[in-house]
Amino acid sequence: MKNIALDGVDKAILLLLQQNADVPVADIAEKVGLTATPCWRRIQRLEAQGVISRRVALLQAHKLGLAMTVFVQIKAARHDGKWLTDFAKHASSFEEVVEFYRMSGEYDYLLKVVVTDMAAFDHFYKRLVNGIDLNDVTSSFAMEQLKYTTALPLTHL
């Protein structure tokens, strides 16, 4: 993957947008030392380059009754392209799966699953394992969230 060349102003804009994407462009421009039009052009360029992929509302899971976070580790039944494609489609189809990774190490895949309670997880689990051939599945339940952020580190830029 090719890195995009960003300057200090781009970095400052990204830091501000990661904190709150609803901030008016004029306010961002003032904070980074630009006028609104050049600031807006930079934001548009960052979007066109794919640095900013989208702007979303972040919801509080616990306020929506989603009190349980589960990390599900999976060992593949097979290691061929068709199984990988089928499994990726299957696991991605569940709204409870909020993150999904192919991993190195003992387990092949890691799913982050958010549900209301144990009964909801059990329902999810049965649908997951019944939909495709798996070798092994293990789940770990988060007891406490100590840090959560969607902001990416930018100090290396």
N, C-alpha and C. Protein backbone atom coordinates (compact mmCIF):
# COMPACT_ATOMS: atom_id res chain seq x y z
N MET A 1 0.84 -1.19 0.00
CA MET A 1 0.00 0.00 0.00
C MET A 1 0.88 1.24 0.00
N LYS A 2 0.50 2.18 -0.80
CA LYS A 2 1.26 3.42 -0.91
C LYS A 2 0.74 4.41 0.13
N ASN A 3 1.68 5.00 0.87
CA ASN A 3 1.30 6.03 1.84
C ASN A 3 1.05 7.35 1.11
N ILE A 4 0.10 8.09 1.59
CA ILE A 4 -0.23 9.41 1.04
C ILE A 4 0.65 10.43 1.73
N ALA A 5 1.19 11.36 0.96
CA ALA A 5 2.02 12.43 1.54
C ALA A 5 1.11 13.46 2.19
N LEU A 6 1.29 13.66 3.49
CA LEU A 6 0.49 14.62 4.24
C LEU A 6 1.42 15.60 4.95
N ASP A 7 1.00 16.85 5.00
CA ASP A 7 1.79 17.84 5.73
C ASP A 7 1.18 18.08 7.11
N GLY A 8 1.77 19.01 7.85
CA GLY A 8 1.30 19.30 9.20
C GLY A 8 -0.13 19.80 9.26
N VAL A 9 -0.54 20.56 8.24
CA VAL A 9 -1.91 21.07 8.22
C VAL A 9 -2.89 19.92 7.98
N ASP A 10 -2.55 19.02 7.06
CA ASP A 10 -3.40 17.85 6.83
C ASP A 10 -3.54 17.04 8.12
N LYS A 11 -2.43 16.84 8.80
CA LYS A 11 -2.45 16.08 10.05
C LYS A 11 -3.35 16.78 11.08
N ALA A 12 -3.24 18.09 11.20
CA ALA A 12 -4.07 18.83 12.15
C ALA A 12 -5.56 18.71 11.79
N ILE A 13 -5.86 18.78 10.50
CA ILE A 13 -7.25 18.62 10.06
C ILE A 13 -7.75 17.24 10.43
N LEU A 14 -6.96 16.22 10.17
CA LEU A 14 -7.37 14.85 10.49
C LEU A 14 -7.58 14.65 11.99
N LEU A 15 -6.70 15.23 12.79
CA LEU A 15 -6.86 15.12 14.25
C LEU A 15 -8.19 15.74 14.69
N LEU A 16 -8.51 16.90 14.15
CA LEU A 16 -9.76 17.57 14.51
C LEU A 16 -10.98 16.78 14.03
N LEU A 17 -10.93 16.28 12.80
CA LEU A 17 -12.05 15.52 12.28
C LEU A 17 -12.26 14.20 13.03
N GLN A 18 -11.17 13.58 13.50
CA GLN A 18 -11.31 12.35 14.27
C GLN A 18 -11.98 12.62 15.62
N GLN A 19 -11.81 13.83 16.14
CA GLN A 19 -12.46 14.18 17.40
C GLN A 19 -13.94 14.49 17.19
N ASN A 20 -14.25 15.18 16.08
CA ASN A 20 -15.64 15.55 15.82
C ASN A 20 -15.77 15.94 14.35
N ALA A 21 -16.37 15.07 13.55
CA ALA A 21 -16.53 15.33 12.12
C ALA A 21 -17.61 16.35 11.82
N ASP A 22 -18.37 16.77 12.84
CA ASP A 22 -19.44 17.75 12.64
C ASP A 22 -18.96 19.20 12.81
N VAL A 23 -17.71 19.39 13.17
CA VAL A 23 -17.19 20.75 13.35
C VAL A 23 -17.26 21.49 12.01
N PRO A 24 -17.80 22.69 12.00
CA PRO A 24 -17.86 23.44 10.74
C PRO A 24 -16.46 23.67 10.15
N VAL A 25 -16.40 23.66 8.83
CA VAL A 25 -15.13 23.85 8.14
C VAL A 25 -14.47 25.17 8.56
N ALA A 26 -15.25 26.21 8.77
CA ALA A 26 -14.68 27.50 9.18
C ALA A 26 -13.94 27.37 10.51
N ASP A 27 -14.49 26.59 11.44
CA ASP A 27 -13.83 26.39 12.74
C ASP A 27 -12.54 25.58 12.59
N ILE A 28 -12.58 24.56 11.75
CA ILE A 28 -11.37 23.77 11.49
C ILE A 28 -10.32 24.66 10.85
N ALA A 29 -10.73 25.43 9.86
CA ALA A 29 -9.80 26.32 9.15
C ALA A 29 -9.12 27.27 10.12
N GLU A 30 -9.88 27.86 11.01
CA GLU A 30 -9.32 28.79 11.98
C GLU A 30 -8.28 28.10 12.87
N LYS A 31 -8.60 26.88 13.30
CA LYS A 31 -7.68 26.16 14.20
C LYS A 31 -6.40 25.72 13.52
N VAL A 32 -6.45 25.50 12.19
CA VAL A 32 -5.24 25.05 11.49
C VAL A 32 -4.55 26.18 10.72
N GLY A 33 -5.07 27.41 10.82
CA GLY A 33 -4.41 28.56 10.19
C GLY A 33 -4.71 28.75 8.72
N LEU A 34 -5.88 28.32 8.29
CA LEU A 34 -6.30 28.51 6.90
C LEU A 34 -7.61 29.28 6.86
N THR A 35 -7.99 29.69 5.65
CA THR A 35 -9.35 30.18 5.46
C THR A 35 -10.21 28.98 5.07
N ALA A 36 -11.51 29.19 5.05
CA ALA A 36 -12.43 28.07 4.85
C ALA A 36 -12.25 27.36 3.51
N THR A 37 -12.08 28.10 2.43
CA THR A 37 -12.01 27.46 1.10
C THR A 37 -10.81 26.53 0.95
N PRO A 38 -9.58 26.96 1.29
CA PRO A 38 -8.46 26.02 1.17
C PRO A 38 -8.58 24.83 2.14
N CYS A 39 -9.18 25.08 3.29
CA CYS A 39 -9.38 24.00 4.25
C CYS A 39 -10.36 22.98 3.66
N TRP A 40 -11.45 23.45 3.09
CA TRP A 40 -12.44 22.57 2.48
C TRP A 40 -11.83 21.78 1.33
N ARG A 41 -10.97 22.44 0.53
CA ARG A 41 -10.30 21.73 -0.57
C ARG A 41 -9.40 20.61 -0.04
N ARG A 42 -8.71 20.86 1.06
CA ARG A 42 -7.86 19.82 1.66
C ARG A 42 -8.71 18.65 2.14
N ILE A 43 -9.83 18.94 2.77
CA ILE A 43 -10.71 17.86 3.24
C ILE A 43 -11.23 17.06 2.04
N GLN A 44 -11.62 17.74 0.99
CA GLN A 44 -12.09 17.05 -0.22
C GLN A 44 -10.97 16.18 -0.82
N ARG A 45 -9.72 16.70 -0.81
CA ARG A 45 -8.58 15.93 -1.34
C ARG A 45 -8.34 14.69 -0.48
N LEU A 46 -8.42 14.85 0.84
CA LEU A 46 -8.23 13.71 1.74
C LEU A 46 -9.31 12.66 1.52
N GLU A 47 -10.53 13.10 1.23
CA GLU A 47 -11.61 12.16 0.92
C GLU A 47 -11.35 11.48 -0.43
N ALA A 48 -10.95 12.25 -1.44
CA ALA A 48 -10.69 11.69 -2.77
C ALA A 48 -9.54 10.69 -2.74
N GLN A 49 -8.55 10.92 -1.89
CA GLN A 49 -7.41 10.02 -1.77
C GLN A 49 -7.73 8.79 -0.92
N GLY A 50 -8.90 8.79 -0.30
CA GLY A 50 -9.28 7.65 0.53
C GLY A 50 -8.74 7.69 1.94
N VAL A 51 -8.07 8.78 2.33
CA VAL A 51 -7.59 8.92 3.71
C VAL A 51 -8.80 9.02 4.63
N ILE A 52 -9.77 9.82 4.25
CA ILE A 52 -11.07 9.87 4.95
C ILE A 52 -12.01 9.01 4.12
N SER A 53 -12.41 7.87 4.68
CA SER A 53 -13.26 6.97 3.90
C SER A 53 -14.74 7.28 4.07
N ARG A 54 -15.13 7.81 5.23
CA ARG A 54 -16.52 8.20 5.46
C ARG A 54 -16.61 8.91 6.80
N ARG A 55 -17.74 9.57 7.01
CA ARG A 55 -18.01 10.24 8.29
C ARG A 55 -19.26 9.59 8.86
N VAL A 56 -19.17 9.18 10.12
CA VAL A 56 -20.27 8.43 10.72
C VAL A 56 -20.58 8.96 12.12
N ALA A 57 -21.72 8.54 12.65
CA ALA A 57 -22.07 8.81 14.04
C ALA A 57 -21.62 7.61 14.87
N LEU A 58 -20.93 7.87 15.97
CA LEU A 58 -20.52 6.80 16.87
C LEU A 58 -21.58 6.64 17.95
N LEU A 59 -22.09 5.44 18.07
CA LEU A 59 -23.16 5.17 19.02
C LEU A 59 -22.61 4.53 20.29
N GLN A 60 -23.28 4.75 21.40
CA GLN A 60 -22.90 4.16 22.68
C GLN A 60 -23.63 2.82 22.83
N ALA A 61 -22.89 1.72 22.72
CA ALA A 61 -23.49 0.38 22.73
C ALA A 61 -24.33 0.15 23.98
N HIS A 62 -23.80 0.51 25.14
CA HIS A 62 -24.53 0.23 26.38
C HIS A 62 -25.86 0.99 26.47
N LYS A 63 -25.93 2.17 25.84
CA LYS A 63 -27.18 2.94 25.86
C LYS A 63 -28.23 2.31 24.94
N LEU A 64 -27.78 1.43 24.05
CA LEU A 64 -28.67 0.74 23.13
C LEU A 64 -28.94 -0.70 23.58
N GLY A 65 -28.53 -1.02 24.80
CA GLY A 65 -28.77 -2.35 25.34
C GLY A 65 -27.77 -3.39 24.87
N LEU A 66 -26.71 -2.97 24.20
CA LEU A 66 -25.68 -3.90 23.73
C LEU A 66 -24.58 -3.97 24.78
N ALA A 67 -24.85 -4.78 25.80
CA ALA A 67 -24.00 -4.80 27.00
C ALA A 67 -22.88 -5.83 26.94
N MET A 68 -22.84 -6.68 25.92
CA MET A 68 -21.86 -7.76 25.90
C MET A 68 -21.00 -7.70 24.64
N THR A 69 -19.69 -7.67 24.86
CA THR A 69 -18.72 -7.74 23.76
C THR A 69 -18.00 -9.06 23.88
N VAL A 70 -17.94 -9.78 22.76
CA VAL A 70 -17.33 -11.11 22.74
C VAL A 70 -16.31 -11.15 21.61
N PHE A 71 -15.14 -11.70 21.92
CA PHE A 71 -14.11 -11.93 20.90
C PHE A 71 -14.13 -13.41 20.57
N VAL A 72 -14.45 -13.72 19.33
CA VAL A 72 -14.60 -15.10 18.89
C VAL A 72 -13.40 -15.44 18.00
N GLN A 73 -12.67 -16.49 18.38
CA GLN A 73 -11.52 -16.95 17.61
C GLN A 73 -11.90 -18.24 16.90
N ILE A 74 -11.51 -18.32 15.64
CA ILE A 74 -11.93 -19.44 14.80
C ILE A 74 -10.74 -20.04 14.09
N LYS A 75 -10.70 -21.39 14.09
CA LYS A 75 -9.74 -22.13 13.26
C LYS A 75 -10.49 -22.62 12.03
N ALA A 76 -9.88 -22.39 10.88
CA ALA A 76 -10.50 -22.75 9.62
C ALA A 76 -10.63 -24.26 9.48
N ALA A 77 -11.70 -24.69 8.83
CA ALA A 77 -11.88 -26.10 8.52
C ALA A 77 -10.94 -26.51 7.38
N ARG A 78 -10.74 -25.59 6.45
CA ARG A 78 -9.84 -25.82 5.31
C ARG A 78 -9.11 -24.51 5.02
N HIS A 79 -8.05 -24.63 4.25
CA HIS A 79 -7.29 -23.44 3.88
C HIS A 79 -7.23 -23.33 2.36
N ASP A 80 -8.40 -23.19 1.75
CA ASP A 80 -8.45 -22.99 0.30
C ASP A 80 -9.28 -21.75 0.00
N GLY A 81 -9.15 -21.26 -1.19
CA GLY A 81 -9.80 -20.02 -1.58
C GLY A 81 -11.31 -20.04 -1.49
N LYS A 82 -11.93 -21.13 -1.87
CA LYS A 82 -13.38 -21.21 -1.82
C LYS A 82 -13.87 -21.14 -0.39
N TRP A 83 -13.24 -21.90 0.52
CA TRP A 83 -13.67 -21.87 1.92
C TRP A 83 -13.48 -20.46 2.48
N LEU A 84 -12.34 -19.84 2.20
CA LEU A 84 -12.07 -18.49 2.69
C LEU A 84 -13.14 -17.52 2.21
N THR A 85 -13.47 -17.57 0.94
CA THR A 85 -14.50 -16.69 0.38
C THR A 85 -15.86 -16.95 1.03
N ASP A 86 -16.20 -18.23 1.15
CA ASP A 86 -17.49 -18.58 1.77
C ASP A 86 -17.55 -18.16 3.23
N PHE A 87 -16.46 -18.38 3.96
CA PHE A 87 -16.45 -18.01 5.37
C PHE A 87 -16.51 -16.48 5.53
N ALA A 88 -15.75 -15.76 4.74
CA ALA A 88 -15.76 -14.30 4.83
C ALA A 88 -17.17 -13.76 4.56
N LYS A 89 -17.84 -14.32 3.57
CA LYS A 89 -19.21 -13.89 3.27
C LYS A 89 -20.15 -14.25 4.42
N HIS A 90 -20.01 -15.46 4.94
CA HIS A 90 -20.88 -15.93 6.03
C HIS A 90 -20.70 -15.07 7.28
N ALA A 91 -19.47 -14.92 7.75
CA ALA A 91 -19.22 -14.17 8.99
C ALA A 91 -19.56 -12.70 8.84
N SER A 92 -19.32 -12.13 7.68
CA SER A 92 -19.62 -10.71 7.45
C SER A 92 -21.12 -10.43 7.39
N SER A 93 -21.92 -11.45 7.19
CA SER A 93 -23.36 -11.25 7.04
C SER A 93 -24.08 -10.97 8.36
N PHE A 94 -23.42 -11.18 9.49
CA PHE A 94 -24.05 -10.98 10.79
C PHE A 94 -23.86 -9.54 11.26
N GLU A 95 -24.97 -8.85 11.58
CA GLU A 95 -24.84 -7.47 12.06
C GLU A 95 -24.14 -7.43 13.41
N GLU A 96 -24.15 -8.51 14.17
CA GLU A 96 -23.49 -8.56 15.47
C GLU A 96 -21.97 -8.49 15.35
N VAL A 97 -21.44 -8.88 14.20
CA VAL A 97 -20.00 -8.85 13.96
C VAL A 97 -19.63 -7.42 13.55
N VAL A 98 -18.92 -6.72 14.44
CA VAL A 98 -18.56 -5.33 14.16
C VAL A 98 -17.12 -5.19 13.67
N GLU A 99 -16.30 -6.23 13.90
CA GLU A 99 -14.94 -6.27 13.36
C GLU A 99 -14.63 -7.72 13.02
N PHE A 100 -13.80 -7.92 11.98
CA PHE A 100 -13.54 -9.26 11.47
C PHE A 100 -12.15 -9.25 10.86
N TYR A 101 -11.26 -10.11 11.37
CA TYR A 101 -9.86 -10.13 10.94
C TYR A 101 -9.40 -11.54 10.60
N ARG A 102 -8.55 -11.67 9.59
CA ARG A 102 -7.79 -12.89 9.34
C ARG A 102 -6.49 -12.72 10.08
N MET A 103 -6.10 -13.73 10.86
CA MET A 103 -4.99 -13.59 11.80
C MET A 103 -3.84 -14.54 11.48
N SER A 104 -2.69 -14.23 12.05
CA SER A 104 -1.60 -15.19 12.09
C SER A 104 -1.65 -15.84 13.48
N GLY A 105 -0.98 -16.95 13.64
CA GLY A 105 -0.95 -17.58 14.95
C GLY A 105 -1.86 -18.79 15.03
N GLU A 106 -2.23 -19.15 16.25
CA GLU A 106 -2.98 -20.37 16.49
C GLU A 106 -4.37 -20.35 15.86
N TYR A 107 -5.03 -19.22 15.92
CA TYR A 107 -6.37 -19.10 15.33
C TYR A 107 -6.29 -18.31 14.04
N ASP A 108 -7.15 -18.67 13.11
CA ASP A 108 -7.12 -18.07 11.77
C ASP A 108 -7.92 -16.78 11.65
N TYR A 109 -8.99 -16.65 12.46
CA TYR A 109 -9.88 -15.50 12.36
C TYR A 109 -10.26 -15.00 13.74
N LEU A 110 -10.50 -13.70 13.82
CA LEU A 110 -10.97 -13.07 15.05
C LEU A 110 -12.18 -12.21 14.70
N LEU A 111 -13.26 -12.44 15.42
CA LEU A 111 -14.47 -11.65 15.26
C LEU A 111 -14.72 -10.87 16.54
N LYS A 112 -15.07 -9.62 16.42
CA LYS A 112 -15.56 -8.85 17.56
C LYS A 112 -17.06 -8.79 17.40
N VAL A 113 -17.76 -9.31 18.40
CA VAL A 113 -19.21 -9.46 18.34
C VAL A 113 -19.83 -8.65 19.47
N VAL A 114 -20.87 -7.88 19.16
CA VAL A 114 -21.56 -7.08 20.15
C VAL A 114 -23.02 -7.54 20.20
N VAL A 115 -23.46 -7.92 21.40
CA VAL A 115 -24.83 -8.43 21.59
C VAL A 115 -25.41 -7.90 22.90
N THR A 116 -26.69 -8.15 23.10
CA THR A 116 -27.36 -7.66 24.30
C THR A 116 -27.01 -8.48 25.54
N ASP A 117 -26.94 -9.80 25.39
CA ASP A 117 -26.74 -10.66 26.55
C ASP A 117 -26.31 -12.05 26.10
N MET A 118 -26.18 -12.97 27.07
CA MET A 118 -25.71 -14.32 26.76
C MET A 118 -26.67 -15.06 25.83
N ALA A 119 -27.96 -14.88 26.02
CA ALA A 119 -28.93 -15.54 25.14
C ALA A 119 -28.76 -15.07 23.69
N ALA A 120 -28.54 -13.79 23.52
CA ALA A 120 -28.32 -13.26 22.16
C ALA A 120 -27.02 -13.80 21.57
N PHE A 121 -25.99 -13.92 22.41
CA PHE A 121 -24.73 -14.49 21.90
C PHE A 121 -24.94 -15.95 21.52
N ASP A 122 -25.64 -16.70 22.34
CA ASP A 122 -25.90 -18.11 22.04
C ASP A 122 -26.63 -18.24 20.70
N HIS A 123 -27.61 -17.38 20.47
CA HIS A 123 -28.34 -17.37 19.20
C HIS A 123 -27.38 -17.08 18.04
N PHE A 124 -26.53 -16.08 18.21
CA PHE A 124 -25.53 -15.74 17.18
C PHE A 124 -24.61 -16.93 16.93
N TYR A 125 -24.08 -17.52 18.02
CA TYR A 125 -23.12 -18.61 17.92
C TYR A 125 -23.70 -19.78 17.12
N LYS A 126 -24.93 -20.15 17.41
CA LYS A 126 -25.55 -21.27 16.71
C LYS A 126 -25.70 -20.98 15.23
N ARG A 127 -26.06 -19.76 14.88
CA ARG A 127 -26.16 -19.39 13.46
C ARG A 127 -24.79 -19.40 12.80
N LEU A 128 -23.77 -18.93 13.52
CA LEU A 128 -22.42 -18.90 12.97
C LEU A 128 -21.91 -20.31 12.68
N VAL A 129 -21.97 -21.19 13.65
CA VAL A 129 -21.37 -22.52 13.49
C VAL A 129 -22.22 -23.44 12.60
N ASN A 130 -23.50 -23.19 12.52
CA ASN A 130 -24.35 -24.03 11.68
C ASN A 130 -24.29 -23.64 10.21
N GLY A 131 -23.78 -22.47 9.93
CA GLY A 131 -23.78 -21.99 8.55
C GLY A 131 -22.59 -22.41 7.73
N ILE A 132 -21.53 -22.94 8.36
CA ILE A 132 -20.31 -23.27 7.62
C ILE A 132 -19.48 -24.24 8.44
N ASP A 133 -18.65 -25.02 7.76
CA ASP A 133 -17.79 -26.00 8.42
C ASP A 133 -16.59 -25.28 9.06
N LEU A 134 -16.45 -25.45 10.39
CA LEU A 134 -15.35 -24.84 11.14
C LEU A 134 -14.57 -25.93 11.87
N ASN A 135 -13.29 -25.68 12.12
CA ASN A 135 -12.46 -26.64 12.85
C ASN A 135 -12.58 -26.44 14.36
N ASP A 136 -12.51 -25.19 14.82
CA ASP A 136 -12.56 -24.90 16.25
C ASP A 136 -13.04 -23.47 16.44
N VAL A 137 -13.81 -23.25 17.49
CA VAL A 137 -14.30 -21.92 17.84
C VAL A 137 -14.13 -21.74 19.34
N THR A 138 -13.57 -20.62 19.74
CA THR A 138 -13.49 -20.29 21.16
C THR A 138 -13.90 -18.84 21.34
N SER A 139 -14.53 -18.54 22.46
CA SER A 139 -15.02 -17.19 22.71
C SER A 139 -14.50 -16.66 24.03
N SER A 140 -14.16 -15.39 24.04
CA SER A 140 -13.74 -14.70 25.25
C SER A 140 -14.66 -13.51 25.45
N PHE A 141 -15.16 -13.36 26.67
CA PHE A 141 -16.12 -12.30 26.97
C PHE A 141 -15.41 -11.14 27.65
N ALA A 142 -15.58 -9.94 27.09
CA ALA A 142 -14.97 -8.74 27.67
C ALA A 142 -15.70 -8.42 28.98
N MET A 143 -14.93 -8.27 30.04
CA MET A 143 -15.51 -7.95 31.35
C MET A 143 -15.61 -6.45 31.56
N GLU A 144 -14.66 -5.71 30.98
CA GLU A 144 -14.64 -4.26 31.15
C GLU A 144 -13.87 -3.66 29.98
N GLN A 145 -14.41 -2.60 29.41
CA GLN A 145 -13.72 -1.89 28.34
C GLN A 145 -12.86 -0.81 28.99
N LEU A 146 -11.55 -0.92 28.82
CA LEU A 146 -10.63 0.02 29.45
C LEU A 146 -10.24 1.16 28.52
N LYS A 147 -10.28 0.92 27.23
CA LYS A 147 -10.02 1.98 26.26
C LYS A 147 -10.78 1.64 24.99
N TYR A 148 -11.37 2.66 24.40
CA TYR A 148 -12.02 2.53 23.10
C TYR A 148 -11.83 3.84 22.36
N THR A 149 -11.32 3.76 21.17
CA THR A 149 -11.21 4.94 20.33
C THR A 149 -11.31 4.52 18.87
N THR A 150 -11.81 5.39 18.07
CA THR A 150 -11.78 5.17 16.63
C THR A 150 -10.69 6.03 16.00
N ALA A 151 -10.06 6.89 16.80
CA ALA A 151 -9.02 7.78 16.31
C ALA A 151 -7.73 7.01 16.06
N LEU A 152 -7.19 7.16 14.86
CA LEU A 152 -5.91 6.52 14.53
C LEU A 152 -4.76 7.39 15.02
N PRO A 153 -3.63 6.76 15.40
CA PRO A 153 -2.47 7.55 15.80
C PRO A 153 -1.86 8.23 14.57
N LEU A 154 -1.50 9.50 14.73
CA LEU A 154 -0.93 10.26 13.61
C LEU A 154 0.45 10.82 13.91
N THR A 155 1.01 10.46 15.05
CA THR A 155 2.31 11.04 15.44
C THR A 155 3.43 10.64 14.49
N HIS A 156 3.29 9.56 13.76
CA HIS A 156 4.32 9.12 12.82
C HIS A 156 4.35 9.95 11.54
N LEU A 157 3.34 10.77 11.33
CA LEU A 157 3.28 11.56 10.09
C LEU A 157 4.18 12.78 10.18
